[in-house]
Amino acid sequence: MQSNDPAALFHASSRSAELNDRLVPKKGFSLASRLADEFHALGIIAAHTGTYLGIVFPSSVDQDLLTSVQVKLLNEVPVEPLVFHVGA
């Protein structure tokens, strides 16, 4: 976080989520990981309790790409994804 490098931050958050998933498996983790790779996301964030799992994209992401991710999620999981927009 001190480096102010988003790539390093989201690499660390993704690795932390991956390691924690081994201890506390999260429904949908493998799907989120696959979609993050497929859509070239910045990374994954997860509440280590398993209550929240997210795919991180830059604030400049194309809306059509986000729509494509949402469609894929809706086809594979029984819940509608929430979209949070943060940052500039």
PDB file of N, CA and C in Angstrom:
ATOM      1  N   MET A   1       0.832  -1.190   0.000  1.00  0.00           N
ATOM      2  CA  MET A   1       0.000   0.000   0.000  1.00  0.00           C
ATOM      3  C   MET A   1       0.873   1.249   0.000  1.00  0.00           C
ATOM      4  N   GLN A   2       2.012   1.183   0.642  1.00  0.00           N
ATOM      5  CA  GLN A   2       2.875   2.355   0.680  1.00  0.00           C
ATOM      6  C   GLN A   2       3.449   2.695  -0.685  1.00  0.00           C
ATOM      7  N   SER A   3       3.543   1.704  -1.566  1.00  0.00           N
ATOM      8  CA  SER A   3       4.100   1.955  -2.891  1.00  0.00           C
ATOM      9  C   SER A   3       3.128   2.720  -3.782  1.00  0.00           C
ATOM     10  N   ASN A   4       1.854   2.737  -3.408  1.00  0.00           N
ATOM     11  CA  ASN A   4       0.819   3.386  -4.209  1.00  0.00           C
ATOM     12  C   ASN A   4       0.762   2.785  -5.618  1.00  0.00           C
ATOM     13  N   ASP A   5       1.043   1.477  -5.702  1.00  0.00           N
ATOM     14  CA  ASP A   5       1.060   0.760  -6.969  1.00  0.00           C
ATOM     15  C   ASP A   5      -0.155  -0.165  -7.019  1.00  0.00           C
ATOM     16  N   PRO A   6      -1.206   0.207  -7.789  1.00  0.00           N
ATOM     17  CA  PRO A   6      -2.420  -0.618  -7.832  1.00  0.00           C
ATOM     18  C   PRO A   6      -2.153  -2.057  -8.257  1.00  0.00           C
ATOM     19  N   ALA A   7      -1.254  -2.277  -9.202  1.00  0.00           N
ATOM     20  CA  ALA A   7      -0.967  -3.644  -9.651  1.00  0.00           C
ATOM     21  C   ALA A   7      -0.425  -4.487  -8.501  1.00  0.00           C
ATOM     22  N   ALA A   8       0.481  -3.924  -7.720  1.00  0.00           N
ATOM     23  CA  ALA A   8       1.046  -4.650  -6.575  1.00  0.00           C
ATOM     24  C   ALA A   8      -0.023  -4.888  -5.513  1.00  0.00           C
ATOM     25  N   LEU A   9      -0.849  -3.887  -5.262  1.00  0.00           N
ATOM     26  CA  LEU A   9      -1.910  -4.015  -4.259  1.00  0.00           C
ATOM     27  C   LEU A   9      -2.884  -5.126  -4.625  1.00  0.00           C
ATOM     28  N   PHE A  10      -3.342  -5.147  -5.877  1.00  0.00           N
ATOM     29  CA  PHE A  10      -4.327  -6.154  -6.258  1.00  0.00           C
ATOM     30  C   PHE A  10      -3.703  -7.522  -6.469  1.00  0.00           C
ATOM     31  N   HIS A  11      -2.408  -7.577  -6.766  1.00  0.00           N
ATOM     32  CA  HIS A  11      -1.717  -8.868  -6.779  1.00  0.00           C
ATOM     33  C   HIS A  11      -1.718  -9.442  -5.364  1.00  0.00           C
ATOM     34  N   ALA A  12      -1.410  -8.591  -4.394  1.00  0.00           N
ATOM     35  CA  ALA A  12      -1.395  -9.039  -3.001  1.00  0.00           C
ATOM     36  C   ALA A  12      -2.787  -9.446  -2.528  1.00  0.00           C
ATOM     37  N   SER A  13      -3.824  -8.676  -2.891  1.00  0.00           N
ATOM     38  CA  SER A  13      -5.175  -9.029  -2.453  1.00  0.00           C
ATOM     39  C   SER A  13      -5.632 -10.332  -3.101  1.00  0.00           C
ATOM     40  N   SER A  14      -5.260 -10.538  -4.363  1.00  0.00           N
ATOM     41  CA  SER A  14      -5.625 -11.781  -5.048  1.00  0.00           C
ATOM     42  C   SER A  14      -4.937 -12.976  -4.406  1.00  0.00           C
ATOM     43  N   ARG A  15      -3.659 -12.826  -4.105  1.00  0.00           N
ATOM     44  CA  ARG A  15      -2.904 -13.922  -3.482  1.00  0.00           C
ATOM     45  C   ARG A  15      -3.433 -14.215  -2.087  1.00  0.00           C
ATOM     46  N   SER A  16      -3.763 -13.189  -1.338  1.00  0.00           N
ATOM     47  CA  SER A  16      -4.341 -13.368  -0.011  1.00  0.00           C
ATOM     48  C   SER A  16      -5.673 -14.114  -0.102  1.00  0.00           C
ATOM     49  N   ALA A  17      -6.511 -13.718  -1.056  1.00  0.00           N
ATOM     50  CA  ALA A  17      -7.804 -14.387  -1.242  1.00  0.00           C
ATOM     51  C   ALA A  17      -7.605 -15.850  -1.628  1.00  0.00           C
ATOM     52  N   GLU A  18      -6.645 -16.104  -2.500  1.00  0.00           N
ATOM     53  CA  GLU A  18      -6.350 -17.481  -2.934  1.00  0.00           C
ATOM     54  C   GLU A  18      -5.895 -18.343  -1.760  1.00  0.00           C
ATOM     55  N   LEU A  19      -4.982 -17.823  -0.965  1.00  0.00           N
ATOM     56  CA  LEU A  19      -4.485 -18.581   0.185  1.00  0.00           C
ATOM     57  C   LEU A  19      -5.593 -18.819   1.204  1.00  0.00           C
ATOM     58  N   ASN A  20      -6.406 -17.804   1.461  1.00  0.00           N
ATOM     59  CA  ASN A  20      -7.486 -17.960   2.424  1.00  0.00           C
ATOM     60  C   ASN A  20      -8.542 -18.934   1.929  1.00  0.00           C
ATOM     61  N   ASP A  21      -8.750 -18.998   0.617  1.00  0.00           N
ATOM     62  CA  ASP A  21      -9.741 -19.923   0.063  1.00  0.00           C
ATOM     63  C   ASP A  21      -9.372 -21.366   0.357  1.00  0.00           C
ATOM     64  N   ARG A  22      -8.102 -21.649   0.540  1.00  0.00           N
ATOM     65  CA  ARG A  22      -7.676 -23.002   0.914  1.00  0.00           C
ATOM     66  C   ARG A  22      -8.130 -23.350   2.328  1.00  0.00           C
ATOM     67  N   LEU A  23      -8.177 -22.337   3.198  1.00  0.00           N
ATOM     68  CA  LEU A  23      -8.586 -22.555   4.591  1.00  0.00           C
ATOM     69  C   LEU A  23     -10.094 -22.454   4.767  1.00  0.00           C
ATOM     70  N   VAL A  24     -10.684 -21.462   4.108  1.00  0.00           N
ATOM     71  CA  VAL A  24     -12.126 -21.224   4.189  1.00  0.00           C
ATOM     72  C   VAL A  24     -12.644 -21.135   2.748  1.00  0.00           C
ATOM     73  N   PRO A  25     -12.982 -22.288   2.162  1.00  0.00           N
ATOM     74  CA  PRO A  25     -13.426 -22.274   0.758  1.00  0.00           C
ATOM     75  C   PRO A  25     -14.650 -21.382   0.560  1.00  0.00           C
ATOM     76  N   LYS A  26     -14.622 -20.635  -0.534  1.00  0.00           N
ATOM     77  CA  LYS A  26     -15.705 -19.712  -0.849  1.00  0.00           C
ATOM     78  C   LYS A  26     -16.417 -20.182  -2.108  1.00  0.00           C
ATOM     79  N   LYS A  27     -17.722 -20.298  -2.016  1.00  0.00           N
ATOM     80  CA  LYS A  27     -18.515 -20.667  -3.178  1.00  0.00           C
ATOM     81  C   LYS A  27     -18.290 -19.609  -4.254  1.00  0.00           C
ATOM     82  N   GLY A  28     -17.933 -20.042  -5.439  1.00  0.00           N
ATOM     83  CA  GLY A  28     -17.733 -19.115  -6.532  1.00  0.00           C
ATOM     84  C   GLY A  28     -16.313 -18.621  -6.697  1.00  0.00           C
ATOM     85  N   PHE A  29     -15.402 -19.034  -5.811  1.00  0.00           N
ATOM     86  CA  PHE A  29     -14.032 -18.521  -5.899  1.00  0.00           C
ATOM     87  C   PHE A  29     -13.369 -18.918  -7.210  1.00  0.00           C
ATOM     88  N   SER A  30     -13.484 -20.172  -7.601  1.00  0.00           N
ATOM     89  CA  SER A  30     -12.830 -20.610  -8.844  1.00  0.00           C
ATOM     90  C   SER A  30     -13.430 -19.884 -10.053  1.00  0.00           C
ATOM     91  N   LEU A  31     -14.743 -19.643 -10.021  1.00  0.00           N
ATOM     92  CA  LEU A  31     -15.392 -18.889 -11.100  1.00  0.00           C
ATOM     93  C   LEU A  31     -14.857 -17.459 -11.149  1.00  0.00           C
ATOM     94  N   ALA A  32     -14.797 -16.791 -10.002  1.00  0.00           N
ATOM     95  CA  ALA A  32     -14.294 -15.414  -9.955  1.00  0.00           C
ATOM     96  C   ALA A  32     -12.849 -15.353 -10.443  1.00  0.00           C
ATOM     97  N   SER A  33     -12.051 -16.309 -10.041  1.00  0.00           N
ATOM     98  CA  SER A  33     -10.657 -16.347 -10.460  1.00  0.00           C
ATOM     99  C   SER A  33     -10.545 -16.541 -11.971  1.00  0.00           C
ATOM    100  N   ARG A  34     -11.349 -17.442 -12.502  1.00  0.00           N
ATOM    101  CA  ARG A  34     -11.338 -17.692 -13.952  1.00  0.00           C
ATOM    102  C   ARG A  34     -11.789 -16.450 -14.727  1.00  0.00           C
ATOM    103  N   LEU A  35     -12.861 -15.805 -14.263  1.00  0.00           N
ATOM    104  CA  LEU A  35     -13.360 -14.607 -14.944  1.00  0.00           C
ATOM    105  C   LEU A  35     -12.378 -13.444 -14.834  1.00  0.00           C
ATOM    106  N   ALA A  36     -11.721 -13.319 -13.696  1.00  0.00           N
ATOM    107  CA  ALA A  36     -10.713 -12.265 -13.539  1.00  0.00           C
ATOM    108  C   ALA A  36      -9.604 -12.444 -14.573  1.00  0.00           C
ATOM    109  N   ASP A  37      -9.185 -13.687 -14.772  1.00  0.00           N
ATOM    110  CA  ASP A  37      -8.162 -13.951 -15.797  1.00  0.00           C
ATOM    111  C   ASP A  37      -8.708 -13.691 -17.198  1.00  0.00           C
ATOM    112  N   GLU A  38      -9.902 -14.219 -17.455  1.00  0.00           N
ATOM    113  CA  GLU A  38     -10.501 -14.111 -18.793  1.00  0.00           C
ATOM    114  C   GLU A  38     -10.714 -12.663 -19.214  1.00  0.00           C
ATOM    115  N   PHE A  39     -11.120 -11.817 -18.279  1.00  0.00           N
ATOM    116  CA  PHE A  39     -11.437 -10.423 -18.596  1.00  0.00           C
ATOM    117  C   PHE A  39     -10.317  -9.455 -18.198  1.00  0.00           C
ATOM    118  N   HIS A  40      -9.143  -9.986 -17.880  1.00  0.00           N
ATOM    119  CA  HIS A  40      -7.957  -9.180 -17.569  1.00  0.00           C
ATOM    120  C   HIS A  40      -8.231  -8.159 -16.457  1.00  0.00           C
ATOM    121  N   ALA A  41      -8.857  -8.632 -15.391  1.00  0.00           N
ATOM    122  CA  ALA A  41      -9.140  -7.770 -14.237  1.00  0.00           C
ATOM    123  C   ALA A  41      -7.839  -7.439 -13.503  1.00  0.00           C
ATOM    124  N   LEU A  42      -7.913  -6.455 -12.627  1.00  0.00           N
ATOM    125  CA  LEU A  42      -6.754  -6.108 -11.801  1.00  0.00           C
ATOM    126  C   LEU A  42      -6.477  -7.181 -10.764  1.00  0.00           C
ATOM    127  N   GLY A  43      -7.535  -7.849 -10.295  1.00  0.00           N
ATOM    128  CA  GLY A  43      -7.364  -8.882  -9.284  1.00  0.00           C
ATOM    129  C   GLY A  43      -8.684  -9.257  -8.650  1.00  0.00           C
ATOM    130  N   ILE A  44      -8.571  -9.947  -7.528  1.00  0.00           N
ATOM    131  CA  ILE A  44      -9.733 -10.407  -6.764  1.00  0.00           C
ATOM    132  C   ILE A  44      -9.610  -9.867  -5.348  1.00  0.00           C
ATOM    133  N   ILE A  45     -10.745  -9.540  -4.766  1.00  0.00           N
ATOM    134  CA  ILE A  45     -10.774  -9.196  -3.348  1.00  0.00           C
ATOM    135  C   ILE A  45     -11.788 -10.114  -2.683  1.00  0.00           C
ATOM    136  N   ALA A  46     -11.523 -10.469  -1.432  1.00  0.00           N
ATOM    137  CA  ALA A  46     -12.427 -11.372  -0.726  1.00  0.00           C
ATOM    138  C   ALA A  46     -12.431 -11.044   0.750  1.00  0.00           C
ATOM    139  N   ALA A  47     -13.623 -11.116   1.331  1.00  0.00           N
ATOM    140  CA  ALA A  47     -13.722 -11.088   2.790  1.00  0.00           C
ATOM    141  C   ALA A  47     -13.309 -12.479   3.244  1.00  0.00           C
ATOM    142  N   HIS A  48     -12.396 -12.565   4.155  1.00  0.00           N
ATOM    143  CA  HIS A  48     -11.882 -13.876   4.543  1.00  0.00           C
ATOM    144  C   HIS A  48     -12.911 -14.717   5.284  1.00  0.00           C
ATOM    145  N   THR A  49     -14.027 -14.112   5.633  1.00  0.00           N
ATOM    146  CA  THR A  49     -15.123 -14.893   6.218  1.00  0.00           C
ATOM    147  C   THR A  49     -15.908 -15.628   5.138  1.00  0.00           C
ATOM    148  N   GLY A  50     -15.695 -15.242   3.890  1.00  0.00           N
ATOM    149  CA  GLY A  50     -16.402 -15.868   2.783  1.00  0.00           C
ATOM    150  C   GLY A  50     -17.695 -15.186   2.409  1.00  0.00           C
ATOM    151  N   THR A  51     -17.996 -14.055   3.049  1.00  0.00           N
ATOM    152  CA  THR A  51     -19.266 -13.379   2.807  1.00  0.00           C
ATOM    153  C   THR A  51     -19.242 -12.452   1.598  1.00  0.00           C
ATOM    154  N   TYR A  52     -18.060 -12.166   1.064  1.00  0.00           N
ATOM    155  CA  TYR A  52     -17.947 -11.219  -0.036  1.00  0.00           C
ATOM    156  C   TYR A  52     -16.803 -11.666  -0.931  1.00  0.00           C
ATOM    157  N   LEU A  53     -17.033 -11.617  -2.229  1.00  0.00           N
ATOM    158  CA  LEU A  53     -16.015 -11.970  -3.204  1.00  0.00           C
ATOM    159  C   LEU A  53     -16.174 -11.035  -4.384  1.00  0.00           C
ATOM    160  N   GLY A  54     -15.094 -10.412  -4.822  1.00  0.00           N
ATOM    161  CA  GLY A  54     -15.207  -9.449  -5.899  1.00  0.00           C
ATOM    162  C   GLY A  54     -14.094  -9.540  -6.912  1.00  0.00           C
ATOM    163  N   ILE A  55     -14.395  -9.097  -8.114  1.00  0.00           N
ATOM    164  CA  ILE A  55     -13.420  -8.973  -9.191  1.00  0.00           C
ATOM    165  C   ILE A  55     -13.179  -7.485  -9.385  1.00  0.00           C
ATOM    166  N   VAL A  56     -11.907  -7.078  -9.402  1.00  0.00           N
ATOM    167  CA  VAL A  56     -11.563  -5.660  -9.448  1.00  0.00           C
ATOM    168  C   VAL A  56     -11.140  -5.251 -10.855  1.00  0.00           C
ATOM    169  N   PHE A  57     -11.768  -4.180 -11.343  1.00  0.00           N
ATOM    170  CA  PHE A  57     -11.425  -3.596 -12.627  1.00  0.00           C
ATOM    171  C   PHE A  57     -11.055  -2.138 -12.410  1.00  0.00           C
ATOM    172  N   PRO A  58     -10.250  -1.560 -13.309  1.00  0.00           N
ATOM    173  CA  PRO A  58      -9.930  -0.132 -13.176  1.00  0.00           C
ATOM    174  C   PRO A  58     -11.188   0.712 -13.376  1.00  0.00           C
ATOM    175  N   SER A  59     -11.173   1.919 -12.823  1.00  0.00           N
ATOM    176  CA  SER A  59     -12.343   2.794 -12.948  1.00  0.00           C
ATOM    177  C   SER A  59     -12.627   3.160 -14.398  1.00  0.00           C
ATOM    178  N   SER A  60     -11.635   3.033 -15.251  1.00  0.00           N
ATOM    179  CA  SER A  60     -11.809   3.368 -16.667  1.00  0.00           C
ATOM    180  C   SER A  60     -12.327   2.196 -17.501  1.00  0.00           C
ATOM    181  N   VAL A  61     -12.727   1.116 -16.859  1.00  0.00           N
ATOM    182  CA  VAL A  61     -13.153  -0.087 -17.588  1.00  0.00           C
ATOM    183  C   VAL A  61     -14.357   0.222 -18.478  1.00  0.00           C
ATOM    184  N   ASP A  62     -14.381  -0.406 -19.629  1.00  0.00           N
ATOM    185  CA  ASP A  62     -15.467  -0.244 -20.588  1.00  0.00           C
ATOM    186  C   ASP A  62     -16.752  -0.880 -20.027  1.00  0.00           C
ATOM    187  N   GLN A  63     -17.850  -0.177 -20.102  1.00  0.00           N
ATOM    188  CA  GLN A  63     -19.123  -0.671 -19.573  1.00  0.00           C
ATOM    189  C   GLN A  63     -19.558  -1.964 -20.270  1.00  0.00           C
ATOM    190  N   ASP A  64     -19.268  -2.107 -21.550  1.00  0.00           N
ATOM    191  CA  ASP A  64     -19.620  -3.335 -22.262  1.00  0.00           C
ATOM    192  C   ASP A  64     -18.887  -4.541 -21.689  1.00  0.00           C
ATOM    193  N   LEU A  65     -17.636  -4.344 -21.266  1.00  0.00           N
ATOM    194  CA  LEU A  65     -16.897  -5.434 -20.642  1.00  0.00           C
ATOM    195  C   LEU A  65     -17.548  -5.836 -19.326  1.00  0.00           C
ATOM    196  N   LEU A  66     -17.923  -4.839 -18.516  1.00  0.00           N
ATOM    197  CA  LEU A  66     -18.604  -5.152 -17.246  1.00  0.00           C
ATOM    198  C   LEU A  66     -19.914  -5.889 -17.486  1.00  0.00           C
ATOM    199  N   THR A  67     -20.637  -5.484 -18.505  1.00  0.00           N
ATOM    200  CA  THR A  67     -21.893  -6.161 -18.848  1.00  0.00           C
ATOM    201  C   THR A  67     -21.616  -7.610 -19.228  1.00  0.00           C
ATOM    202  N   SER A  68     -20.555  -7.859 -19.979  1.00  0.00           N
ATOM    203  CA  SER A  68     -20.190  -9.229 -20.360  1.00  0.00           C
ATOM    204  C   SER A  68     -19.861 -10.079 -19.144  1.00  0.00           C
ATOM    205  N   VAL A  69     -19.144  -9.495 -18.191  1.00  0.00           N
ATOM    206  CA  VAL A  69     -18.815 -10.218 -16.956  1.00  0.00           C
ATOM    207  C   VAL A  69     -20.103 -10.548 -16.197  1.00  0.00           C
ATOM    208  N   GLN A  70     -21.002  -9.581 -16.077  1.00  0.00           N
ATOM    209  CA  GLN A  70     -22.261  -9.806 -15.370  1.00  0.00           C
ATOM    210  C   GLN A  70     -23.083 -10.910 -16.031  1.00  0.00           C
ATOM    211  N   VAL A  71     -23.138 -10.917 -17.349  1.00  0.00           N
ATOM    212  CA  VAL A  71     -23.894 -11.949 -18.070  1.00  0.00           C
ATOM    213  C   VAL A  71     -23.304 -13.324 -17.777  1.00  0.00           C
ATOM    214  N   LYS A  72     -21.963 -13.437 -17.818  1.00  0.00           N
ATOM    215  CA  LYS A  72     -21.317 -14.722 -17.510  1.00  0.00           C
ATOM    216  C   LYS A  72     -21.628 -15.151 -16.087  1.00  0.00           C
ATOM    217  N   LEU A  73     -21.577 -14.220 -15.151  1.00  0.00           N
ATOM    218  CA  LEU A  73     -21.885 -14.559 -13.759  1.00  0.00           C
ATOM    219  C   LEU A  73     -23.325 -15.037 -13.614  1.00  0.00           C
ATOM    220  N   LEU A  74     -24.240 -14.323 -14.232  1.00  0.00           N
ATOM    221  CA  LEU A  74     -25.654 -14.710 -14.135  1.00  0.00           C
ATOM    222  C   LEU A  74     -25.915 -16.084 -14.730  1.00  0.00           C
ATOM    223  N   ASN A  75     -25.124 -16.475 -15.721  1.00  0.00           N
ATOM    224  CA  ASN A  75     -25.287 -17.794 -16.324  1.00  0.00           C
ATOM    225  C   ASN A  75     -24.718 -18.907 -15.455  1.00  0.00           C
ATOM    226  N   GLU A  76     -23.854 -18.558 -14.498  1.00  0.00           N
ATOM    227  CA  GLU A  76     -23.171 -19.591 -13.723  1.00  0.00           C
ATOM    228  C   GLU A  76     -23.484 -19.601 -12.238  1.00  0.00           C
ATOM    229  N   VAL A  77     -24.020 -18.537 -11.695  1.00  0.00           N
ATOM    230  CA  VAL A  77     -24.361 -18.503 -10.264  1.00  0.00           C
ATOM    231  C   VAL A  77     -25.803 -18.044 -10.097  1.00  0.00           C
ATOM    232  N   PRO A  78     -26.468 -18.513  -9.049  1.00  0.00           N
ATOM    233  CA  PRO A  78     -27.887 -18.211  -8.886  1.00  0.00           C
ATOM    234  C   PRO A  78     -28.201 -16.860  -8.237  1.00  0.00           C
ATOM    235  N   VAL A  79     -27.234 -15.969  -8.154  1.00  0.00           N
ATOM    236  CA  VAL A  79     -27.481 -14.657  -7.553  1.00  0.00           C
ATOM    237  C   VAL A  79     -27.047 -13.562  -8.514  1.00  0.00           C
ATOM    238  N   GLU A  80     -27.711 -12.437  -8.450  1.00  0.00           N
ATOM    239  CA  GLU A  80     -27.325 -11.312  -9.298  1.00  0.00           C
ATOM    240  C   GLU A  80     -26.143 -10.588  -8.661  1.00  0.00           C
ATOM    241  N   PRO A  81     -25.073 -10.363  -9.429  1.00  0.00           N
ATOM    242  CA  PRO A  81     -23.906  -9.689  -8.866  1.00  0.00           C
ATOM    243  C   PRO A  81     -24.186  -8.218  -8.569  1.00  0.00           C
ATOM    244  N   LEU A  82     -23.539  -7.716  -7.536  1.00  0.00           N
ATOM    245  CA  LEU A  82     -23.597  -6.291  -7.220  1.00  0.00           C
ATOM    246  C   LEU A  82     -22.413  -5.621  -7.874  1.00  0.00           C
ATOM    247  N   VAL A  83     -22.603  -4.415  -8.341  1.00  0.00           N
ATOM    248  CA  VAL A  83     -21.510  -3.662  -8.952  1.00  0.00           C
ATOM    249  C   VAL A  83     -21.260  -2.437  -8.094  1.00  0.00           C
ATOM    250  N   PHE A  84     -20.031  -2.293  -7.621  1.00  0.00           N
ATOM    251  CA  PHE A  84     -19.634  -1.144  -6.838  1.00  0.00           C
ATOM    252  C   PHE A  84     -18.633  -0.337  -7.651  1.00  0.00           C
ATOM    253  N   HIS A  85     -18.871   0.948  -7.773  1.00  0.00           N
ATOM    254  CA  HIS A  85     -17.948   1.829  -8.461  1.00  0.00           C
ATOM    255  C   HIS A  85     -17.273   2.693  -7.403  1.00  0.00           C
ATOM    256  N   VAL A  86     -15.947   2.618  -7.344  1.00  0.00           N
ATOM    257  CA  VAL A  86     -15.181   3.425  -6.398  1.00  0.00           C
ATOM    258  C   VAL A  86     -14.019   4.071  -7.133  1.00  0.00           C
ATOM    259  N   GLY A  87     -13.455   5.076  -6.559  1.00  0.00           N
ATOM    260  CA  GLY A  87     -12.294   5.722  -7.154  1.00  0.00           C
ATOM    261  C   GLY A  87     -12.689   6.791  -8.149  1.00  0.00           C
ATOM    262  N   ALA A  88     -11.678   7.309  -8.794  1.00  0.00           N
ATOM    263  CA  ALA A  88     -11.905   8.396  -9.749  1.00  0.00           C
ATOM    264  C   ALA A  88     -12.112   7.890 -11.146  1.00  0.00           C
TER     265      ALA A  88
END
